[in-house]
C-alpha atoms as a PDB file:
ATOM      1  CA  UNK A   1      81.011  82.841 120.852  1.00  0.00           C
ATOM      2  CA  UNK A   2      77.813  84.015 120.791  1.00  0.00           C
ATOM      3  CA  UNK A   3      75.466  84.808 118.683  1.00  0.00           C
ATOM      4  CA  UNK A   4      74.106  88.414 120.122  1.00  0.00           C
ATOM      5  CA  UNK A   5      76.989  91.005 118.328  1.00  0.00           C
ATOM      6  CA  UNK A   6      76.624  94.277 119.866  1.00  0.00           C
ATOM      7  CA  UNK A   7      75.823  97.149 117.767  1.00  0.00           C
ATOM      8  CA  UNK A   8      78.582  98.516 115.819  1.00  0.00           C
ATOM      9  CA  UNK A   9      81.104  97.902 112.623  1.00  0.00           C
ATOM     10  CA  UNK A  10      82.917  94.671 113.062  1.00  0.00           C
ATOM     11  CA  UNK A  11      85.980  94.589 110.493  1.00  0.00           C
ATOM     12  CA  UNK A  12      86.302  91.191 109.240  1.00  0.00           C
ATOM     13  CA  UNK A  13      89.343  89.591 107.368  1.00  0.00           C
ATOM     14  CA  UNK A  14      88.825  87.277 104.588  1.00  0.00           C
ATOM     15  CA  UNK A  15      91.230  84.777 103.009  1.00  0.00           C
ATOM     16  CA  UNK A  16      93.680  85.683 100.739  1.00  0.00           C
ATOM     17  CA  UNK A  17      93.343  82.391  98.384  1.00  0.00           C
ATOM     18  CA  UNK A  18      92.845  79.349 100.523  1.00  0.00           C
ATOM     19  CA  UNK A  19      89.490  79.331 101.587  1.00  0.00           C
ATOM     20  CA  UNK A  20      90.509  77.274 105.237  1.00  0.00           C
ATOM     21  CA  UNK A  21      92.144  80.493 106.133  1.00  0.00           C
ATOM     22  CA  UNK A  22      88.939  82.066 107.473  1.00  0.00           C
ATOM     23  CA  UNK A  23      89.138  82.219 111.167  1.00  0.00           C
ATOM     24  CA  UNK A  24      86.019  80.786 113.840  1.00  0.00           C
ATOM     25  CA  UNK A  25      85.524  84.017 114.897  1.00  0.00           C
ATOM     26  CA  UNK A  26      84.828  85.578 111.694  1.00  0.00           C
ATOM     27  CA  UNK A  27      82.435  82.942 110.405  1.00  0.00           C
ATOM     28  CA  UNK A  28      80.697  83.474 113.734  1.00  0.00           C
ATOM     29  CA  UNK A  29      80.795  87.411 112.984  1.00  0.00           C
ATOM     30  CA  UNK A  30      79.073  87.052 109.788  1.00  0.00           C
ATOM     31  CA  UNK A  31      76.340  84.886 110.582  1.00  0.00           C
ATOM     32  CA  UNK A  32      75.476  87.379 113.415  1.00  0.00           C
ATOM     33  CA  UNK A  33      75.304  90.773 111.533  1.00  0.00           C
ATOM     34  CA  UNK A  34      72.816  92.408 110.242  1.00  0.00           C
ATOM     35  CA  UNK A  35      74.947  92.913 107.055  1.00  0.00           C
ATOM     36  CA  UNK A  36      77.714  92.485 105.487  1.00  0.00           C
ATOM     37  CA  UNK A  37      79.576  95.638 103.419  1.00  0.00           C
ATOM     38  CA  UNK A  38      81.282  94.642 100.696  1.00  0.00           C
ATOM     39  CA  UNK A  39      83.744  95.709  98.142  1.00  0.00           C
ATOM     40  CA  UNK A  40      82.029  93.416  95.351  1.00  0.00           C
ATOM     41  CA  UNK A  41      78.912  91.308  96.455  1.00  0.00           C
ATOM     42  CA  UNK A  42      79.543  88.494  93.817  1.00  0.00           C
ATOM     43  CA  UNK A  43      82.875  87.547  95.227  1.00  0.00           C
ATOM     44  CA  UNK A  44      81.871  88.249  98.719  1.00  0.00           C
ATOM     45  CA  UNK A  45      78.789  86.445  98.285  1.00  0.00           C
ATOM     46  CA  UNK A  46      80.867  83.133  96.838  1.00  0.00           C
ATOM     47  CA  UNK A  47      82.733  83.322 100.172  1.00  0.00           C
ATOM     48  CA  UNK A  48      78.985  83.304 102.373  1.00  0.00           C
ATOM     49  CA  UNK A  49      77.678  80.384 100.408  1.00  0.00           C
ATOM     50  CA  UNK A  50      81.149  78.750 100.554  1.00  0.00           C
ATOM     51  CA  UNK A  51      80.534  79.249 104.463  1.00  0.00           C
ATOM     52  CA  UNK A  52      76.873  78.496 104.133  1.00  0.00           C
ATOM     53  CA  UNK A  53      76.068  81.578 105.475  1.00  0.00           C
ATOM     54  CA  UNK A  54      73.397  83.803 104.262  1.00  0.00           C
ATOM     55  CA  UNK A  55      73.635  87.442 104.289  1.00  0.00           C
ATOM     56  CA  UNK A  56      72.268  90.890 103.533  1.00  0.00           C
ATOM     57  CA  UNK A  57      75.220  92.120 101.203  1.00  0.00           C
ATOM     58  CA  UNK A  58      75.795  96.305 100.448  1.00  0.00           C
ATOM     59  CA  UNK A  59      77.899  97.088  97.823  1.00  0.00           C
ATOM     60  CA  UNK A  60      80.499  99.668  99.626  1.00  0.00           C
ATOM     61  CA  UNK A  61      83.881  99.765  97.265  1.00  0.00           C
ATOM     62  CA  UNK A  62      86.598 103.149  95.873  1.00  0.00           C
ATOM     63  CA  UNK A  63      83.142 104.326  94.012  1.00  0.00           C
ATOM     64  CA  UNK A  64      81.182 105.022  97.607  1.00  0.00           C
ATOM     65  CA  UNK A  65      79.834 108.459  98.359  1.00  0.00           C
ATOM     66  CA  UNK A  66      79.164 110.303 101.516  1.00  0.00           C
ATOM     67  CA  UNK A  67      75.208 109.041 100.952  1.00  0.00           C
ATOM     68  CA  UNK A  68      76.266 105.488 101.046  1.00  0.00           C
ATOM     69  CA  UNK A  69      78.617 106.147 104.147  1.00  0.00           C
ATOM     70  CA  UNK A  70      75.605 107.673 105.741  1.00  0.00           C
ATOM     71  CA  UNK A  71      73.353 105.043 104.918  1.00  0.00           C
ATOM     72  CA  UNK A  72      75.748 102.193 106.718  1.00  0.00           C
ATOM     73  CA  UNK A  73      76.797 104.839 109.606  1.00  0.00           C
ATOM     74  CA  UNK A  74      72.684 104.942 110.515  1.00  0.00           C
ATOM     75  CA  UNK A  75      72.006 100.904 110.066  1.00  0.00           C
ATOM     76  CA  UNK A  76      75.416 100.334 112.547  1.00  0.00           C
ATOM     77  CA  UNK A  77      74.405 102.522 115.409  1.00  0.00           C
ATOM     78  CA  UNK A  78      71.027 100.618 115.597  1.00  0.00           C
ATOM     79  CA  UNK A  79      72.830  97.136 114.231  1.00  0.00           C
ATOM     80  CA  UNK A  80      76.050  95.258 114.017  1.00  0.00           C
ATOM     81  CA  UNK A  81      77.584  95.176 110.637  1.00  0.00           C
ATOM     82  CA  UNK A  82      80.777  93.648 109.176  1.00  0.00           C
ATOM     83  CA  UNK A  83      82.667  94.959 106.857  1.00  0.00           C
ATOM     84  CA  UNK A  84      84.771  93.461 104.299  1.00  0.00           C
ATOM     85  CA  UNK A  85      87.324  93.443 101.421  1.00  0.00           C
ATOM     86  CA  UNK A  86      87.345  91.305  98.721  1.00  0.00           C
ATOM     87  CA  UNK A  87      90.020  89.445  99.919  1.00  0.00           C
ATOM     88  CA  UNK A  88      92.497  89.827 103.300  1.00  0.00           C
ATOM     89  CA  UNK A  89      92.242  92.298 106.025  1.00  0.00           C
ATOM     90  CA  UNK A  90      90.003  95.628 105.179  1.00  0.00           C
ATOM     91  CA  UNK A  91      91.462  98.902 104.882  1.00  0.00           C
ATOM     92  CA  UNK A  92      94.815  97.826 103.989  1.00  0.00           C
ATOM     93  CA  UNK A  93      95.014  99.210 100.368  1.00  0.00           C
ATOM     94  CA  UNK A  94      90.993  98.464 100.336  1.00  0.00           C
ATOM     95  CA  UNK A  95      88.213 101.007 101.014  1.00  0.00           C
ATOM     96  CA  UNK A  96      86.974 102.096 104.310  1.00  0.00           C
ATOM     97  CA  UNK A  97      89.206 104.413 106.144  1.00  0.00           C
ATOM     98  CA  UNK A  98      86.619 107.594 105.894  1.00  0.00           C
ATOM     99  CA  UNK A  99      84.059 104.560 107.089  1.00  0.00           C
ATOM    100  CA  UNK A 100      85.541 103.790 110.253  1.00  0.00           C
ATOM    101  CA  UNK A 101      87.173 107.221 111.587  1.00  0.00           C
ATOM    102  CA  UNK A 102      83.585 108.629 111.149  1.00  0.00           C
ATOM    103  CA  UNK A 103      82.280 105.745 113.192  1.00  0.00           C
ATOM    104  CA  UNK A 104      84.843 106.390 115.754  1.00  0.00           C
ATOM    105  CA  UNK A 105      84.244 109.808 115.634  1.00  0.00           C
ATOM    106  CA  UNK A 106      80.053 109.195 115.894  1.00  0.00           C
ATOM    107  CA  UNK A 107      81.037 106.736 119.039  1.00  0.00           C
ATOM    108  CA  UNK A 108      79.952 103.754 116.922  1.00  0.00           C
ATOM    109  CA  UNK A 109      81.843 100.871 118.566  1.00  0.00           C
ATOM    110  CA  UNK A 110      84.769  99.204 116.328  1.00  0.00           C
ATOM    111  CA  UNK A 111      86.135  96.105 116.401  1.00  0.00           C
ATOM    112  CA  UNK A 112      88.766  94.739 114.047  1.00  0.00           C
ATOM    113  CA  UNK A 113      89.131  90.613 113.820  1.00  0.00           C
ATOM    114  CA  UNK A 114      92.713  89.708 112.721  1.00  0.00           C
ATOM    115  CA  UNK A 115      93.110  87.413 109.749  1.00  0.00           C
ATOM    116  CA  UNK A 116      94.730  86.544 106.122  1.00  0.00           C
ATOM    117  CA  UNK A 117      97.112  89.672 104.888  1.00  0.00           C
ATOM    118  CA  UNK A 118      99.466  89.114 102.063  1.00  0.00           C
ATOM    119  CA  UNK A 119     101.289  91.764 102.776  1.00  0.00           C
ATOM    120  CA  UNK A 120     102.547  90.131 106.096  1.00  0.00           C
ATOM    121  CA  UNK A 121     102.781  86.462 104.193  1.00  0.00           C
ATOM    122  CA  UNK A 122     104.896  88.234 101.841  1.00  0.00           C
ATOM    123  CA  UNK A 123     107.313  89.183 104.672  1.00  0.00           C
ATOM    124  CA  UNK A 124     107.316  86.243 106.380  1.00  0.00           C
ATOM    125  CA  UNK A 125     107.764  84.248 102.861  1.00  0.00           C
ATOM    126  CA  UNK A 126     110.619  86.051 101.386  1.00  0.00           C
ATOM    127  CA  UNK A 127     113.786  85.515 104.266  1.00  0.00           C
ATOM    128  CA  UNK A 128     114.158  89.920 103.658  1.00  0.00           C
ATOM    129  CA  UNK A 129     114.945  91.072 106.973  1.00  0.00           C
ATOM    130  CA  UNK A 130     111.530  91.072 108.764  1.00  0.00           C
ATOM    131  CA  UNK A 131     112.592  93.221 111.989  1.00  0.00           C
ATOM    132  CA  UNK A 132     111.560  96.124 110.561  1.00  0.00           C
ATOM    133  CA  UNK A 133     109.126  96.660 107.615  1.00  0.00           C
ATOM    134  CA  UNK A 134     106.866  99.680 105.565  1.00  0.00           C
ATOM    135  CA  UNK A 135     104.170  98.848 103.931  1.00  0.00           C
ATOM    136  CA  UNK A 136     103.939 101.319 101.110  1.00  0.00           C
ATOM    137  CA  UNK A 137     100.809 100.074  99.350  1.00  0.00           C
ATOM    138  CA  UNK A 138     100.532 100.111  95.207  1.00  0.00           C
ATOM    139  CA  UNK A 139     103.579 102.235  93.255  1.00  0.00           C
ATOM    140  CA  UNK A 140     102.426 104.996  90.931  1.00  0.00           C
ATOM    141  CA  UNK A 141     100.982 103.611  87.702  1.00  0.00           C
ATOM    142  CA  UNK A 142     103.400 106.411  85.771  1.00  0.00           C
ATOM    143  CA  UNK A 143     106.994 106.119  85.809  1.00  0.00           C
ATOM    144  CA  UNK A 144     108.932 109.308  86.803  1.00  0.00           C
ATOM    145  CA  UNK A 145     105.910 109.520  89.590  1.00  0.00           C
ATOM    146  CA  UNK A 146     106.907 105.584  90.307  1.00  0.00           C
ATOM    147  CA  UNK A 147     111.220 106.743  90.702  1.00  0.00           C
ATOM    148  CA  UNK A 148     110.169 109.550  92.622  1.00  0.00           C
ATOM    149  CA  UNK A 149     108.788 107.442  95.311  1.00  0.00           C
ATOM    150  CA  UNK A 150     110.838 104.705  95.435  1.00  0.00           C
ATOM    151  CA  UNK A 151     113.887 107.493  95.581  1.00  0.00           C
ATOM    152  CA  UNK A 152     111.671 109.085  98.538  1.00  0.00           C
ATOM    153  CA  UNK A 153     111.590 105.888 100.345  1.00  0.00           C
ATOM    154  CA  UNK A 154     115.333 104.803  99.768  1.00  0.00           C
ATOM    155  CA  UNK A 155     116.537 105.570 103.142  1.00  0.00           C
ATOM    156  CA  UNK A 156     113.854 104.227 104.920  1.00  0.00           C
ATOM    157  CA  UNK A 157     116.245 101.632 107.749  1.00  0.00           C
ATOM    158  CA  UNK A 158     113.381  98.812 106.471  1.00  0.00           C
ATOM    159  CA  UNK A 159     112.424  96.135 104.296  1.00  0.00           C
ATOM    160  CA  UNK A 160     109.688  98.025 101.613  1.00  0.00           C
ATOM    161  CA  UNK A 161     106.586  95.995 101.246  1.00  0.00           C
ATOM    162  CA  UNK A 162     104.234  96.822  98.003  1.00  0.00           C
ATOM    163  CA  UNK A 163     101.033  95.249  95.930  1.00  0.00           C
ATOM    164  CA  UNK A 164     102.130  94.780  92.477  1.00  0.00           C
ATOM    165  CA  UNK A 165      99.419  94.092  89.649  1.00  0.00           C
ATOM    166  CA  UNK A 166     101.422  91.114  87.417  1.00  0.00           C
ATOM    167  CA  UNK A 167     100.768  93.192  83.978  1.00  0.00           C
ATOM    168  CA  UNK A 168     103.048  96.032  85.624  1.00  0.00           C
ATOM    169  CA  UNK A 169     105.753  94.214  87.440  1.00  0.00           C
ATOM    170  CA  UNK A 170     107.966  94.373  84.975  1.00  0.00           C
ATOM    171  CA  UNK A 171     108.400  98.486  84.646  1.00  0.00           C
ATOM    172  CA  UNK A 172     108.420  98.226  88.586  1.00  0.00           C
ATOM    173  CA  UNK A 173     111.002  96.043  88.737  1.00  0.00           C
ATOM    174  CA  UNK A 174     112.717  97.962  86.205  1.00  0.00           C
ATOM    175  CA  UNK A 175     112.378 101.313  88.454  1.00  0.00           C
ATOM    176  CA  UNK A 176     114.189  99.565  91.478  1.00  0.00           C
ATOM    177  CA  UNK A 177     117.236  98.697  89.424  1.00  0.00           C
ATOM    178  CA  UNK A 178     117.588 102.171  88.363  1.00  0.00           C
ATOM    179  CA  UNK A 179     116.632 104.121  91.566  1.00  0.00           C
ATOM    180  CA  UNK A 180     117.690 101.344  94.278  1.00  0.00           C
ATOM    181  CA  UNK A 181     120.820  99.659  92.733  1.00  0.00           C
ATOM    182  CA  UNK A 182     122.125  96.726  94.459  1.00  0.00           C
ATOM    183  CA  UNK A 183     119.052  95.849  97.043  1.00  0.00           C
ATOM    184  CA  UNK A 184     117.964  92.079  96.839  1.00  0.00           C
ATOM    185  CA  UNK A 185     113.801  92.233  95.916  1.00  0.00           C
ATOM    186  CA  UNK A 186     111.665  89.531  96.342  1.00  0.00           C
ATOM    187  CA  UNK A 187     108.234  88.740  94.314  1.00  0.00           C
ATOM    188  CA  UNK A 188     105.535  86.439  96.238  1.00  0.00           C
ATOM    189  CA  UNK A 189     102.233  85.657  94.418  1.00  0.00           C
ATOM    190  CA  UNK A 190      99.678  83.547  94.353  1.00  0.00           C
ATOM    191  CA  UNK A 191      99.956  83.655  98.282  1.00  0.00           C
ATOM    192  CA  UNK A 192      98.398  80.932 100.600  1.00  0.00           C
ATOM    193  CA  UNK A 193      97.061  78.804  96.398  1.00  0.00           C
ATOM    194  CA  UNK A 194      97.696  75.524  94.837  1.00  0.00           C
ATOM    195  CA  UNK A 195     100.577  77.402  92.714  1.00  0.00           C
ATOM    196  CA  UNK A 196     102.104  80.034  95.485  1.00  0.00           C
ATOM    197  CA  UNK A 197     105.681  80.708  94.882  1.00  0.00           C
ATOM    198  CA  UNK A 198     108.830  83.252  96.325  1.00  0.00           C
ATOM    199  CA  UNK A 199     111.290  84.020  94.704  1.00  0.00           C
ATOM    200  CA  UNK A 200     114.575  86.315  95.862  1.00  0.00           C
ATOM    201  CA  UNK A 201     117.014  88.100  93.477  1.00  0.00           C
ATOM    202  CA  UNK A 202     118.475  91.383  91.890  1.00  0.00           C
ATOM    203  CA  UNK A 203     115.550  92.480  90.196  1.00  0.00           C
ATOM    204  CA  UNK A 204     116.873  92.127  86.830  1.00  0.00           C
ATOM    205  CA  UNK A 205     117.554  88.295  87.369  1.00  0.00           C
ATOM    206  CA  UNK A 206     113.476  88.186  89.115  1.00  0.00           C
ATOM    207  CA  UNK A 207     112.532  90.296  85.488  1.00  0.00           C
ATOM    208  CA  UNK A 208     114.320  87.949  83.674  1.00  0.00           C
ATOM    209  CA  UNK A 209     112.369  85.316  84.940  1.00  0.00           C
ATOM    210  CA  UNK A 210     108.794  86.835  84.611  1.00  0.00           C
ATOM    211  CA  UNK A 211     109.475  87.222  81.005  1.00  0.00           C
ATOM    212  CA  UNK A 212     110.051  84.207  80.275  1.00  0.00           C
ATOM    213  CA  UNK A 213     107.377  83.093  82.569  1.00  0.00           C
ATOM    214  CA  UNK A 214     104.339  85.762  82.107  1.00  0.00           C
ATOM    215  CA  UNK A 215     102.943  86.096  86.634  1.00  0.00           C
ATOM    216  CA  UNK A 216      99.474  85.908  87.026  1.00  0.00           C
ATOM    217  CA  UNK A 217      97.624  86.490  90.024  1.00  0.00           C
ATOM    218  CA  UNK A 218      98.494  89.196  92.588  1.00  0.00           C
ATOM    219  CA  UNK A 219     102.099  90.203  93.956  1.00  0.00           C
ATOM    220  CA  UNK A 220     103.148  91.247  96.813  1.00  0.00           C
ATOM    221  CA  UNK A 221     106.607  93.225  95.925  1.00  0.00           C
ATOM    222  CA  UNK A 222     109.662  93.556  98.388  1.00  0.00           C
ATOM    223  CA  UNK A 223     113.016  95.586  98.515  1.00  0.00           C
ATOM    224  CA  UNK A 224     116.080  94.372 101.077  1.00  0.00           C
ATOM    225  CA  UNK A 225     116.586  97.597 103.128  1.00  0.00           C
ATOM    226  CA  UNK A 226     119.987  99.968 102.328  1.00  0.00           C
ATOM    227  CA  UNK A 227     123.519  98.580 103.037  1.00  0.00           C
ATOM    228  CA  UNK A 228     125.849 101.225 103.258  1.00  0.00           C
ATOM    229  CA  UNK A 229     125.182 102.395  99.325  1.00  0.00           C
ATOM    230  CA  UNK A 230     122.150 104.447 100.551  1.00  0.00           C
ATOM    231  CA  UNK A 231     124.753 106.963 101.820  1.00  0.00           C
ATOM    232  CA  UNK A 232     125.989 106.714  98.124  1.00  0.00           C
ATOM    233  CA  UNK A 233     125.780 110.160  96.127  1.00  0.00           C
ATOM    234  CA  UNK A 234     123.442 108.396  93.361  1.00  0.00           C
ATOM    235  CA  UNK A 235     121.016 107.258  95.907  1.00  0.00           C
ATOM    236  CA  UNK A 236     121.172 110.853  97.727  1.00  0.00           C
ATOM    237  CA  UNK A 237     121.141 112.858  94.766  1.00  0.00           C
ATOM    238  CA  UNK A 238     117.315 110.926  93.891  1.00  0.00           C
ATOM    239  CA  UNK A 239     116.846 111.558  97.187  1.00  0.00           C
ATOM    240  CA  UNK A 240     117.188 115.451  96.813  1.00  0.00           C
ATOM    241  CA  UNK A 241     115.886 115.638  93.037  1.00  0.00           C
ATOM    242  CA  UNK A 242     113.076 114.248  94.550  1.00  0.00           C
ATOM    243  CA  UNK A 243     112.312 116.055  97.035  1.00  0.00           C
ATOM    244  CA  UNK A 244     113.156 118.966  94.850  1.00  0.00           C
ATOM    245  CA  UNK A 245     110.220 118.127  92.904  1.00  0.00           C
ATOM    246  CA  UNK A 246     107.915 119.483  95.695  1.00  0.00           C
ATOM    247  CA  UNK A 247     109.916 121.849  98.055  1.00  0.00           C
ATOM    248  CA  UNK A 248     112.912 124.245  97.824  1.00  0.00           C
ATOM    249  CA  UNK A 249     116.299 123.532  98.055  1.00  0.00           C
ATOM    250  CA  UNK A 250     115.977 124.356 101.986  1.00  0.00           C
ATOM    251  CA  UNK A 251     113.253 122.317 102.842  1.00  0.00           C
ATOM    252  CA  UNK A 252     114.277 119.378 100.658  1.00  0.00           C
ATOM    253  CA  UNK A 253     117.752 118.981 102.041  1.00  0.00           C
ATOM    254  CA  UNK A 254     116.062 119.378 105.664  1.00  0.00           C
ATOM    255  CA  UNK A 255     114.024 116.137 104.629  1.00  0.00           C
ATOM    256  CA  UNK A 256     116.255 114.287 103.438  1.00  0.00           C
ATOM    257  CA  UNK A 257     118.535 115.157 106.153  1.00  0.00           C
ATOM    258  CA  UNK A 258     116.355 113.765 108.552  1.00  0.00           C
ATOM    259  CA  UNK A 259     115.895 110.683 106.329  1.00  0.00           C
ATOM    260  CA  UNK A 260     119.189 109.883 106.309  1.00  0.00           C
ATOM    261  CA  UNK A 261     121.245 111.555 108.834  1.00  0.00           C
ATOM    262  CA  UNK A 262     123.474 112.698 106.793  1.00  0.00           C
ATOM    263  CA  UNK A 263     124.708 116.835 107.047  1.00  0.00           C
ATOM    264  CA  UNK A 264     121.752 119.268 106.488  1.00  0.00           C
ATOM    265  CA  UNK A 265     124.649 122.075 104.845  1.00  0.00           C
ATOM    266  CA  UNK A 266     126.474 119.545 102.807  1.00  0.00           C
ATOM    267  CA  UNK A 267     122.948 118.495 101.666  1.00  0.00           C
ATOM    268  CA  UNK A 268     121.946 121.817 100.295  1.00  0.00           C
ATOM    269  CA  UNK A 269     124.809 122.837  99.064  1.00  0.00           C
ATOM    270  CA  UNK A 270     124.341 119.652  96.732  1.00  0.00           C
ATOM    271  CA  UNK A 271     120.608 120.429  96.249  1.00  0.00           C
ATOM    272  CA  UNK A 272     121.844 124.126  94.717  1.00  0.00           C
ATOM    273  CA  UNK A 273     124.049 122.050  92.395  1.00  0.00           C
ATOM    274  CA  UNK A 274     121.341 120.156  91.166  1.00  0.00           C
ATOM    275  CA  UNK A 275     118.754 123.058  90.850  1.00  0.00           C
END
């Protein structure tokens, strides 16, 4: 790869654990840019030191404002600038969406380099169906919002993929057991590291294991797609209740009908009963 890069934004994936998972193209790009925008300069600094790269670092995280974004945009109009996250592929539950969108609107060249991604690694390890999967970021912190989110996704005919933290894992597993009974789950953690593991089973089985062996590190939480039970009354009620929290009965019925393929009139009647 040539060392001369054109001006613009370069989205660079970094390792999620094993430092050997950086690509040759990523290394050459990080060497060739004028600056690296990153979430935490200490974390990215350690990676660059490991790679033998000295580079200007600019902090760009969830707290970055319009001034920070404009500074980066002005720089990348004249020079190449890399965007990295603390680990994995930028913009996947990480800051950067507005930066990329504005750059494209202004005609600034945007290049994305493929690389490590925890969600994809989790899907491939889990043994759950992977012909279709939906990445849904982090589940909400609050119990009701968490349950409503799960209910709204109950009928999606695909493996559901979430990021989760160790302290919240137990609560999320309990919510899955309550809202999506009978579903198989997988917990993939410490991915690409020495103590990497992926456990599958029912939510209660997985919860019991981690109650006895408290987990550490970042987690990918996966839920198997629905079987025939997805059309049962319990799941439909959960979907309708979640929809009714934000919409009228007719609108809730329409949304659930679209998601499940069930009869809209029947769903509307049930929604009125639930109200």
